[in-house]
Amino acid sequence: MFKFAKVLPLAVLVLFISACSSVKLDDENQVAAVNAANSATYDPISDPKSSVYGKRSIYFEFDSYTIDPQYAPTIIAHAAYLKAFQKQRAFIIIQGNTDDRGTSEYNLALGQRRSEAVKKALINQGVSESQLEAVSFGKEKPANPAQTETAFKQNRRADFVYQ
């Protein structure tokens, strides 16, 4: 009985450690499965194996919230990702931004229209509205604070932020 009492904690420890080291792989592409609901730190934009890798923004023309057709592949890639991880509750916040020309009120409204346009495009691709939130930062979060046309173009955008 005394030997059993010494061996039991060791056996439990070995089982616990071996269970923690196993990771189920996705059979298709041999990458670890992601549970987006429990992992607030997973960002598919940073995963080179993700279809949305490096595609975090949609850019707009001056005083416009119309999505240029060149961004259709980006919208489609994010929509496919969100639909694939719908059960795991993948969720994004679409952040509308503007350059700093115009009043704060005007820019907040324009930024909201930009984020809503992207949200609508994702919904049209079959994404559940419960996975999306559209917000506006107006001119408060510039990507480039310079006062050049290049900087203004970089600031007129909607960003995808995964939660």
Protein backbone atom coordinates (compact mmCIF):
# COMPACT_ATOMS: atom_id res chain seq x y z
CA MET A 1 0.00 0.00 0.00
CA PHE A 2 2.88 2.37 0.82
CA LYS A 3 4.48 1.87 -2.64
CA PHE A 4 1.12 2.52 -4.33
CA ALA A 5 0.76 5.84 -2.45
CA LYS A 6 4.21 6.93 -3.71
CA VAL A 7 3.63 5.83 -7.31
CA LEU A 8 0.11 7.26 -7.72
CA PRO A 9 1.09 10.98 -7.60
CA LEU A 10 3.95 10.31 -10.03
CA ALA A 11 1.60 8.51 -12.45
CA VAL A 12 -0.93 11.36 -12.26
CA LEU A 13 1.82 13.90 -12.95
CA VAL A 14 3.07 11.94 -15.99
CA LEU A 15 -0.48 11.69 -17.39
CA PHE A 16 -1.08 15.38 -16.82
CA ILE A 17 2.14 16.43 -18.56
CA SER A 18 1.55 14.12 -21.53
CA ALA A 19 -2.01 15.41 -21.94
CA CYS A 20 -0.79 19.01 -21.98
CA SER A 21 1.76 18.38 -24.69
CA SER A 22 -0.65 16.99 -27.26
CA VAL A 23 -2.01 19.35 -29.92
CA LYS A 24 -4.62 18.26 -32.41
CA LEU A 25 -3.59 19.19 -35.93
CA ASP A 26 -5.87 20.17 -38.76
CA ASP A 27 -5.51 17.29 -41.23
CA GLU A 28 -5.67 19.50 -44.31
CA ASN A 29 -2.76 21.85 -43.76
CA GLN A 30 -1.03 20.45 -40.66
CA VAL A 31 -1.51 23.55 -38.52
CA ALA A 32 -2.84 23.63 -35.00
CA ALA A 33 -6.58 24.19 -34.75
CA VAL A 34 -7.51 27.60 -33.35
CA ASN A 35 -10.31 28.22 -30.92
CA ALA A 36 -10.97 31.92 -31.46
CA ALA A 37 -13.46 32.09 -28.58
CA ASN A 38 -10.86 31.18 -25.98
CA SER A 39 -7.83 32.88 -27.50
CA ALA A 40 -7.97 36.65 -27.32
CA THR A 41 -4.36 36.81 -28.52
CA TYR A 42 -4.72 34.93 -31.82
CA ASP A 43 -4.57 37.35 -34.71
CA PRO A 44 -5.01 35.70 -38.13
CA ILE A 45 -3.46 38.77 -39.74
CA SER A 46 -0.14 37.72 -38.15
CA ASP A 47 -0.39 34.07 -39.20
CA PRO A 48 1.32 33.57 -42.58
CA LYS A 49 -0.82 30.46 -43.15
CA SER A 50 -4.02 32.49 -42.84
CA SER A 51 -5.94 33.68 -45.91
CA VAL A 52 -6.15 37.14 -44.34
CA TYR A 53 -2.43 37.48 -43.61
CA GLY A 54 -1.26 41.06 -44.17
CA LYS A 55 -4.66 42.29 -45.33
CA ARG A 56 -5.84 44.46 -42.47
CA SER A 57 -7.14 47.63 -44.13
CA ILE A 58 -9.49 48.87 -46.84
CA TYR A 59 -8.58 52.32 -48.19
CA PHE A 60 -10.98 54.98 -49.44
CA GLU A 61 -10.89 58.01 -51.72
CA PHE A 62 -11.26 61.51 -50.28
CA ASP A 63 -14.73 62.17 -48.82
CA SER A 64 -15.94 58.70 -49.88
CA TYR A 65 -17.15 55.53 -48.23
CA THR A 66 -17.44 53.50 -51.44
CA ILE A 67 -15.31 50.36 -51.40
CA ASP A 68 -13.03 50.18 -54.43
CA PRO A 69 -13.40 46.85 -56.32
CA GLN A 70 -9.66 46.20 -55.87
CA TYR A 71 -10.46 45.33 -52.23
CA ALA A 72 -12.95 42.58 -53.13
CA PRO A 73 -10.34 39.82 -52.55
CA THR A 74 -9.60 41.24 -49.08
CA ILE A 75 -13.31 41.31 -48.19
CA ILE A 76 -13.76 37.77 -49.52
CA ALA A 77 -10.74 36.47 -47.57
CA HIS A 78 -11.93 37.96 -44.27
CA ALA A 79 -15.48 36.73 -44.91
CA ALA A 80 -14.23 33.20 -45.58
CA TYR A 81 -12.17 33.27 -42.39
CA LEU A 82 -15.06 34.57 -40.28
CA LYS A 83 -17.49 32.00 -41.70
CA ALA A 84 -15.00 29.18 -41.13
CA PHE A 85 -14.57 30.19 -37.48
CA GLN A 86 -18.18 31.20 -36.80
CA LYS A 87 -18.71 28.33 -34.33
CA GLN A 88 -15.60 29.41 -32.44
CA ARG A 89 -17.08 32.92 -32.33
CA ALA A 90 -14.44 34.71 -34.35
CA PHE A 91 -15.25 38.40 -34.11
CA ILE A 92 -13.91 41.59 -35.66
CA ILE A 93 -14.26 45.25 -34.99
CA ILE A 94 -14.16 47.32 -38.16
CA GLN A 95 -12.58 50.67 -37.30
CA GLY A 96 -13.42 53.53 -39.67
CA ASN A 97 -10.81 56.27 -39.99
CA THR A 98 -10.38 59.52 -41.89
CA ASP A 99 -7.64 62.00 -42.64
CA ASP A 100 -7.60 65.11 -40.47
CA ARG A 101 -9.23 67.47 -42.94
CA GLY A 102 -12.75 68.46 -41.87
CA THR A 103 -14.42 68.81 -38.49
CA SER A 104 -14.30 66.14 -35.81
CA GLU A 105 -18.06 65.57 -36.12
CA TYR A 106 -17.90 65.21 -39.89
CA ASN A 107 -14.96 62.82 -39.71
CA LEU A 108 -16.61 60.66 -37.03
CA ALA A 109 -19.68 60.32 -39.26
CA LEU A 110 -17.58 59.56 -42.36
CA GLY A 111 -15.50 57.01 -40.46
CA GLN A 112 -18.71 55.33 -39.30
CA ARG A 113 -20.05 55.19 -42.87
CA ARG A 114 -16.77 53.59 -43.98
CA SER A 115 -16.87 50.93 -41.28
CA GLU A 116 -20.57 50.27 -42.00
CA ALA A 117 -19.81 49.89 -45.72
CA VAL A 118 -17.20 47.22 -44.95
CA LYS A 119 -19.56 45.54 -42.49
CA LYS A 120 -22.30 45.43 -45.14
CA ALA A 121 -19.86 43.96 -47.69
CA LEU A 122 -18.93 41.19 -45.22
CA ILE A 123 -22.60 40.47 -44.48
CA ASN A 124 -23.24 40.26 -48.24
CA GLN A 125 -20.55 37.56 -48.32
CA GLY A 126 -22.48 35.53 -45.73
CA VAL A 127 -20.80 36.62 -42.48
CA SER A 128 -23.10 36.68 -39.48
CA GLU A 129 -23.81 40.19 -38.23
CA SER A 130 -23.17 38.92 -34.69
CA GLN A 131 -19.47 38.55 -35.63
CA LEU A 132 -19.08 42.19 -36.65
CA GLU A 133 -18.97 45.57 -35.00
CA ALA A 134 -18.52 48.84 -36.89
CA VAL A 135 -17.01 51.81 -35.07
CA SER A 136 -15.47 55.13 -36.04
CA PHE A 137 -12.36 56.85 -34.79
CA GLY A 138 -12.69 59.71 -37.28
CA LYS A 139 -9.35 61.48 -37.45
CA GLU A 140 -8.19 60.37 -33.98
CA LYS A 141 -6.05 57.34 -35.02
CA PRO A 142 -3.94 58.39 -37.98
CA ALA A 143 -1.72 55.74 -39.52
CA ASN A 144 0.57 58.53 -40.68
CA PRO A 145 0.49 61.92 -38.88
CA ALA A 146 2.25 63.83 -41.70
CA GLN A 147 0.39 66.52 -43.63
CA THR A 148 1.00 65.14 -47.12
CA GLU A 149 -1.30 63.62 -49.70
CA THR A 150 0.38 60.25 -49.16
CA ALA A 151 -0.32 60.44 -45.43
CA PHE A 152 -3.93 61.49 -46.06
CA LYS A 153 -4.41 58.42 -48.31
CA GLN A 154 -2.99 56.13 -45.61
CA ASN A 155 -5.38 57.57 -43.02
CA ARG A 156 -8.59 57.15 -45.09
CA ARG A 157 -9.22 53.54 -44.19
CA ALA A 158 -11.22 50.90 -42.37
CA ASP A 159 -9.15 48.48 -40.26
CA PHE A 160 -9.98 44.89 -39.30
CA VAL A 161 -9.25 44.18 -35.64
CA TYR A 162 -9.83 40.59 -34.53
CA GLN A 163 -11.05 39.95 -31.00
